[in-house]
Amino acid sequence: MEYLIEKTTKEERKNIAKQALKMSVANEEDMPSEYAINLVKQYINGEKELEEIQKELIEKYKEQ
């Protein structure tokens, strides 16, 4: 499946995000942070690509 914003509808991005969050919660005890959820919303709204979000999350959690 193609995940780029230009190749997906908003509804498809919502479903992609839901599946990713379900997997994340299933593999971890904690819910995703508010920061991570806000980044995912930016993907759903077509503002940021998943690759950008991944880089931002890695950088944020490297700092901690």
PDB file of N, CA and C in Angstrom:
ATOM      1  N   MET A   1       0.841  -1.190   0.000  1.00  0.00           N
ATOM      2  CA  MET A   1       0.000   0.000   0.000  1.00  0.00           C
ATOM      3  C   MET A   1       0.879   1.244   0.000  1.00  0.00           C
ATOM      4  N   GLU A   2       0.459   2.210  -0.712  1.00  0.00           N
ATOM      5  CA  GLU A   2       1.178   3.488  -0.792  1.00  0.00           C
ATOM      6  C   GLU A   2       0.679   4.403   0.334  1.00  0.00           C
ATOM      7  N   TYR A   3       1.597   5.026   1.059  1.00  0.00           N
ATOM      8  CA  TYR A   3       1.238   5.850   2.208  1.00  0.00           C
ATOM      9  C   TYR A   3       1.422   7.348   1.981  1.00  0.00           C
ATOM     10  N   LEU A   4       1.945   7.736   0.835  1.00  0.00           N
ATOM     11  CA  LEU A   4       2.167   9.151   0.565  1.00  0.00           C
ATOM     12  C   LEU A   4       0.842   9.909   0.538  1.00  0.00           C
ATOM     13  N   ILE A   5       0.872  11.129   1.020  1.00  0.00           N
ATOM     14  CA  ILE A   5      -0.322  11.956   1.070  1.00  0.00           C
ATOM     15  C   ILE A   5      -0.954  12.084  -0.314  1.00  0.00           C
ATOM     16  N   GLU A   6      -0.138  12.313  -1.326  1.00  0.00           N
ATOM     17  CA  GLU A   6      -0.680  12.515  -2.671  1.00  0.00           C
ATOM     18  C   GLU A   6      -1.338  11.260  -3.250  1.00  0.00           C
ATOM     19  N   LYS A   7      -1.068  10.111  -2.652  1.00  0.00           N
ATOM     20  CA  LYS A   7      -1.614   8.848  -3.165  1.00  0.00           C
ATOM     21  C   LYS A   7      -2.719   8.284  -2.274  1.00  0.00           C
ATOM     22  N   THR A   8      -3.113   9.033  -1.237  1.00  0.00           N
ATOM     23  CA  THR A   8      -4.142   8.556  -0.314  1.00  0.00           C
ATOM     24  C   THR A   8      -5.196   9.627  -0.086  1.00  0.00           C
ATOM     25  N   THR A   9      -6.386   9.171   0.278  1.00  0.00           N
ATOM     26  CA  THR A   9      -7.444  10.099   0.684  1.00  0.00           C
ATOM     27  C   THR A   9      -7.334  10.305   2.194  1.00  0.00           C
ATOM     28  N   LYS A  10      -8.017  11.306   2.677  1.00  0.00           N
ATOM     29  CA  LYS A  10      -8.016  11.558   4.115  1.00  0.00           C
ATOM     30  C   LYS A  10      -8.557  10.340   4.861  1.00  0.00           C
ATOM     31  N   GLU A  11      -9.592   9.716   4.324  1.00  0.00           N
ATOM     32  CA  GLU A  11     -10.173   8.525   4.959  1.00  0.00           C
ATOM     33  C   GLU A  11      -9.172   7.374   5.006  1.00  0.00           C
ATOM     34  N   GLU A  12      -8.431   7.184   3.937  1.00  0.00           N
ATOM     35  CA  GLU A  12      -7.394   6.144   3.926  1.00  0.00           C
ATOM     36  C   GLU A  12      -6.315   6.440   4.955  1.00  0.00           C
ATOM     37  N   ARG A  13      -5.919   7.715   5.070  1.00  0.00           N
ATOM     38  CA  ARG A  13      -4.907   8.087   6.061  1.00  0.00           C
ATOM     39  C   ARG A  13      -5.413   7.857   7.479  1.00  0.00           C
ATOM     40  N   LYS A  14      -6.704   8.107   7.718  1.00  0.00           N
ATOM     41  CA  LYS A  14      -7.286   7.819   9.039  1.00  0.00           C
ATOM     42  C   LYS A  14      -7.169   6.336   9.351  1.00  0.00           C
ATOM     43  N   ASN A  15      -7.490   5.489   8.375  1.00  0.00           N
ATOM     44  CA  ASN A  15      -7.413   4.047   8.591  1.00  0.00           C
ATOM     45  C   ASN A  15      -5.979   3.585   8.808  1.00  0.00           C
ATOM     46  N   ILE A  16      -5.041   4.141   8.058  1.00  0.00           N
ATOM     47  CA  ILE A  16      -3.623   3.816   8.231  1.00  0.00           C
ATOM     48  C   ILE A  16      -3.192   4.190   9.654  1.00  0.00           C
ATOM     49  N   ALA A  17      -3.576   5.380  10.097  1.00  0.00           N
ATOM     50  CA  ALA A  17      -3.202   5.854  11.432  1.00  0.00           C
ATOM     51  C   ALA A  17      -3.832   4.976  12.514  1.00  0.00           C
ATOM     52  N   LYS A  18      -5.094   4.606  12.347  1.00  0.00           N
ATOM     53  CA  LYS A  18      -5.759   3.744  13.328  1.00  0.00           C
ATOM     54  C   LYS A  18      -5.034   2.416  13.472  1.00  0.00           C
ATOM     55  N   GLN A  19      -4.685   1.822  12.351  1.00  0.00           N
ATOM     56  CA  GLN A  19      -3.985   0.533  12.400  1.00  0.00           C
ATOM     57  C   GLN A  19      -2.625   0.672  13.073  1.00  0.00           C
ATOM     58  N   ALA A  20      -1.906   1.740  12.759  1.00  0.00           N
ATOM     59  CA  ALA A  20      -0.590   1.961  13.366  1.00  0.00           C
ATOM     60  C   ALA A  20      -0.720   2.159  14.878  1.00  0.00           C
ATOM     61  N   LEU A  21      -1.719   2.927  15.305  1.00  0.00           N
ATOM     62  CA  LEU A  21      -1.906   3.160  16.734  1.00  0.00           C
ATOM     63  C   LEU A  21      -2.332   1.880  17.447  1.00  0.00           C
ATOM     64  N   LYS A  22      -3.167   1.059  16.806  1.00  0.00           N
ATOM     65  CA  LYS A  22      -3.565  -0.218  17.402  1.00  0.00           C
ATOM     66  C   LYS A  22      -2.343  -1.111  17.618  1.00  0.00           C
ATOM     67  N   MET A  23      -1.467  -1.162  16.623  1.00  0.00           N
ATOM     68  CA  MET A  23      -0.260  -1.982  16.755  1.00  0.00           C
ATOM     69  C   MET A  23       0.643  -1.439  17.847  1.00  0.00           C
ATOM     70  N   SER A  24       0.748  -0.132  17.928  1.00  0.00           N
ATOM     71  CA  SER A  24       1.592   0.504  18.931  1.00  0.00           C
ATOM     72  C   SER A  24       1.097   0.176  20.335  1.00  0.00           C
ATOM     73  N   VAL A  25      -0.196   0.289  20.549  1.00  0.00           N
ATOM     74  CA  VAL A  25      -0.775   0.028  21.859  1.00  0.00           C
ATOM     75  C   VAL A  25      -0.673  -1.457  22.190  1.00  0.00           C
ATOM     76  N   ALA A  26      -0.834  -2.319  21.205  1.00  0.00           N
ATOM     77  CA  ALA A  26      -0.744  -3.768  21.440  1.00  0.00           C
ATOM     78  C   ALA A  26       0.665  -4.184  21.849  1.00  0.00           C
ATOM     79  N   ASN A  27       1.669  -3.466  21.358  1.00  0.00           N
ATOM     80  CA  ASN A  27       3.056  -3.826  21.641  1.00  0.00           C
ATOM     81  C   ASN A  27       3.634  -3.123  22.856  1.00  0.00           C
ATOM     82  N   GLU A  28       2.943  -2.144  23.386  1.00  0.00           N
ATOM     83  CA  GLU A  28       3.464  -1.363  24.503  1.00  0.00           C
ATOM     84  C   GLU A  28       2.385  -1.208  25.560  1.00  0.00           C
ATOM     85  N   GLU A  29       2.794  -0.909  26.752  1.00  0.00           N
ATOM     86  CA  GLU A  29       1.830  -0.717  27.826  1.00  0.00           C
ATOM     87  C   GLU A  29       1.238   0.688  27.820  1.00  0.00           C
ATOM     88  N   ASP A  30       1.995   1.666  27.389  1.00  0.00           N
ATOM     89  CA  ASP A  30       1.548   3.053  27.423  1.00  0.00           C
ATOM     90  C   ASP A  30       0.864   3.461  26.125  1.00  0.00           C
ATOM     91  N   MET A  31      -0.055   4.371  26.259  1.00  0.00           N
ATOM     92  CA  MET A  31      -0.690   4.967  25.086  1.00  0.00           C
ATOM     93  C   MET A  31       0.327   5.909  24.432  1.00  0.00           C
ATOM     94  N   PRO A  32       0.182   6.162  23.134  1.00  0.00           N
ATOM     95  CA  PRO A  32       1.083   7.127  22.488  1.00  0.00           C
ATOM     96  C   PRO A  32       0.954   8.493  23.166  1.00  0.00           C
ATOM     97  N   SER A  33       2.037   9.242  23.162  1.00  0.00           N
ATOM     98  CA  SER A  33       2.028  10.571  23.773  1.00  0.00           C
ATOM     99  C   SER A  33       1.130  11.520  22.984  1.00  0.00           C
ATOM    100  N   GLU A  34       0.743  12.572  23.647  1.00  0.00           N
ATOM    101  CA  GLU A  34      -0.056  13.615  22.983  1.00  0.00           C
ATOM    102  C   GLU A  34       0.723  14.193  21.801  1.00  0.00           C
ATOM    103  N   TYR A  35       2.026  14.311  21.968  1.00  0.00           N
ATOM    104  CA  TYR A  35       2.896  14.805  20.900  1.00  0.00           C
ATOM    105  C   TYR A  35       2.799  13.895  19.676  1.00  0.00           C
ATOM    106  N   ALA A  36       2.897  12.590  19.884  1.00  0.00           N
ATOM    107  CA  ALA A  36       2.819  11.631  18.781  1.00  0.00           C
ATOM    108  C   ALA A  36       1.437  11.664  18.121  1.00  0.00           C
ATOM    109  N   ILE A  37       0.397  11.741  18.928  1.00  0.00           N
ATOM    110  CA  ILE A  37      -0.964  11.792  18.390  1.00  0.00           C
ATOM    111  C   ILE A  37      -1.162  13.040  17.534  1.00  0.00           C
ATOM    112  N   ASN A  38      -0.624  14.162  17.984  1.00  0.00           N
ATOM    113  CA  ASN A  38      -0.739  15.399  17.198  1.00  0.00           C
ATOM    114  C   ASN A  38       0.001  15.282  15.870  1.00  0.00           C
ATOM    115  N   LEU A  39       1.143  14.622  15.861  1.00  0.00           N
ATOM    116  CA  LEU A  39       1.860  14.410  14.607  1.00  0.00           C
ATOM    117  C   LEU A  39       1.045  13.537  13.652  1.00  0.00           C
ATOM    118  N   VAL A  40       0.430  12.498  14.186  1.00  0.00           N
ATOM    119  CA  VAL A  40      -0.394  11.617  13.354  1.00  0.00           C
ATOM    120  C   VAL A  40      -1.573  12.394  12.766  1.00  0.00           C
ATOM    121  N   LYS A  41      -2.150  13.269  13.541  1.00  0.00           N
ATOM    122  CA  LYS A  41      -3.250  14.114  13.036  1.00  0.00           C
ATOM    123  C   LYS A  41      -2.774  14.968  11.867  1.00  0.00           C
ATOM    124  N   GLN A  42      -1.527  15.417  11.924  1.00  0.00           N
ATOM    125  CA  GLN A  42      -0.979  16.206  10.823  1.00  0.00           C
ATOM    126  C   GLN A  42      -0.876  15.360   9.556  1.00  0.00           C
ATOM    127  N   TYR A  43      -0.558  14.084   9.701  1.00  0.00           N
ATOM    128  CA  TYR A  43      -0.534  13.177   8.543  1.00  0.00           C
ATOM    129  C   TYR A  43      -1.953  13.007   7.992  1.00  0.00           C
ATOM    130  N   ILE A  44      -2.887  12.739   8.871  1.00  0.00           N
ATOM    131  CA  ILE A  44      -4.275  12.550   8.439  1.00  0.00           C
ATOM    132  C   ILE A  44      -4.769  13.776   7.683  1.00  0.00           C
ATOM    133  N   ASN A  45      -4.410  14.952   8.151  1.00  0.00           N
ATOM    134  CA  ASN A  45      -4.850  16.204   7.521  1.00  0.00           C
ATOM    135  C   ASN A  45      -4.033  16.579   6.289  1.00  0.00           C
ATOM    136  N   GLY A  46      -3.057  15.749   5.943  1.00  0.00           N
ATOM    137  CA  GLY A  46      -2.277  15.999   4.740  1.00  0.00           C
ATOM    138  C   GLY A  46      -1.202  17.060   4.907  1.00  0.00           C
ATOM    139  N   GLU A  47      -0.779  17.306   6.143  1.00  0.00           N
ATOM    140  CA  GLU A  47       0.200  18.352   6.421  1.00  0.00           C
ATOM    141  C   GLU A  47       1.637  17.837   6.463  1.00  0.00           C
ATOM    142  N   LYS A  48       1.818  16.568   6.876  1.00  0.00           N
ATOM    143  CA  LYS A  48       3.159  15.986   6.990  1.00  0.00           C
ATOM    144  C   LYS A  48       3.126  14.544   6.529  1.00  0.00           C
ATOM    145  N   GLU A  49       4.181  14.135   5.845  1.00  0.00           N
ATOM    146  CA  GLU A  49       4.321  12.743   5.422  1.00  0.00           C
ATOM    147  C   GLU A  49       4.756  11.891   6.614  1.00  0.00           C
ATOM    148  N   LEU A  50       4.475  10.611   6.547  1.00  0.00           N
ATOM    149  CA  LEU A  50       4.871   9.700   7.625  1.00  0.00           C
ATOM    150  C   LEU A  50       6.372   9.718   7.867  1.00  0.00           C
ATOM    151  N   GLU A  51       7.137   9.833   6.810  1.00  0.00           N
ATOM    152  CA  GLU A  51       8.597   9.867   6.958  1.00  0.00           C
ATOM    153  C   GLU A  51       9.033  11.057   7.808  1.00  0.00           C
ATOM    154  N   GLU A  52       8.399  12.217   7.596  1.00  0.00           N
ATOM    155  CA  GLU A  52       8.723  13.410   8.387  1.00  0.00           C
ATOM    156  C   GLU A  52       8.370  13.184   9.858  1.00  0.00           C
ATOM    157  N   ILE A  53       7.228  12.570  10.081  1.00  0.00           N
ATOM    158  CA  ILE A  53       6.767  12.318  11.435  1.00  0.00           C
ATOM    159  C   ILE A  53       7.722  11.357  12.142  1.00  0.00           C
ATOM    160  N   GLN A  54       8.110  10.322  11.441  1.00  0.00           N
ATOM    161  CA  GLN A  54       9.046   9.352  12.018  1.00  0.00           C
ATOM    162  C   GLN A  54      10.348  10.029  12.435  1.00  0.00           C
ATOM    163  N   LYS A  55      10.883  10.876  11.579  1.00  0.00           N
ATOM    164  CA  LYS A  55      12.124  11.586  11.901  1.00  0.00           C
ATOM    165  C   LYS A  55      11.943  12.477  13.125  1.00  0.00           C
ATOM    166  N   GLU A  56      10.806  13.185  13.189  1.00  0.00           N
ATOM    167  CA  GLU A  56      10.556  14.066  14.333  1.00  0.00           C
ATOM    168  C   GLU A  56      10.455  13.275  15.637  1.00  0.00           C
ATOM    169  N   LEU A  57       9.762  12.136  15.577  1.00  0.00           N
ATOM    170  CA  LEU A  57       9.628  11.320  16.780  1.00  0.00           C
ATOM    171  C   LEU A  57      10.972  10.775  17.235  1.00  0.00           C
ATOM    172  N   ILE A  58      11.771  10.315  16.301  1.00  0.00           N
ATOM    173  CA  ILE A  58      13.102   9.797  16.655  1.00  0.00           C
ATOM    174  C   ILE A  58      13.933  10.888  17.306  1.00  0.00           C
ATOM    175  N   GLU A  59      13.931  12.073  16.724  1.00  0.00           N
ATOM    176  CA  GLU A  59      14.703  13.185  17.285  1.00  0.00           C
ATOM    177  C   GLU A  59      14.199  13.560  18.680  1.00  0.00           C
ATOM    178  N   LYS A  60      12.890  13.613  18.856  1.00  0.00           N
ATOM    179  CA  LYS A  60      12.321  13.997  20.150  1.00  0.00           C
ATOM    180  C   LYS A  60      12.733  13.001  21.227  1.00  0.00           C
ATOM    181  N   TYR A  61      12.636  11.717  20.928  1.00  0.00           N
ATOM    182  CA  TYR A  61      12.898  10.731  21.957  1.00  0.00           C
ATOM    183  C   TYR A  61      14.388  10.450  22.140  1.00  0.00           C
ATOM    184  N   LYS A  62      15.208  10.861  21.191  1.00  0.00           N
ATOM    185  CA  LYS A  62      16.669  10.805  21.387  1.00  0.00           C
ATOM    186  C   LYS A  62      17.082  11.786  22.473  1.00  0.00           C
ATOM    187  N   GLU A  63      16.385  12.925  22.511  1.00  0.00           N
ATOM    188  CA  GLU A  63      16.702  14.002  23.460  1.00  0.00           C
ATOM    189  C   GLU A  63      16.372  13.612  24.891  1.00  0.00           C
ATOM    190  N   GLN A  64      15.486  12.663  25.077  1.00  0.00           N
ATOM    191  CA  GLN A  64      15.029  12.313  26.437  1.00  0.00           C
ATOM    192  C   GLN A  64      15.954  11.351  27.120  1.00  0.00           C
TER     193      GLN A  64
END
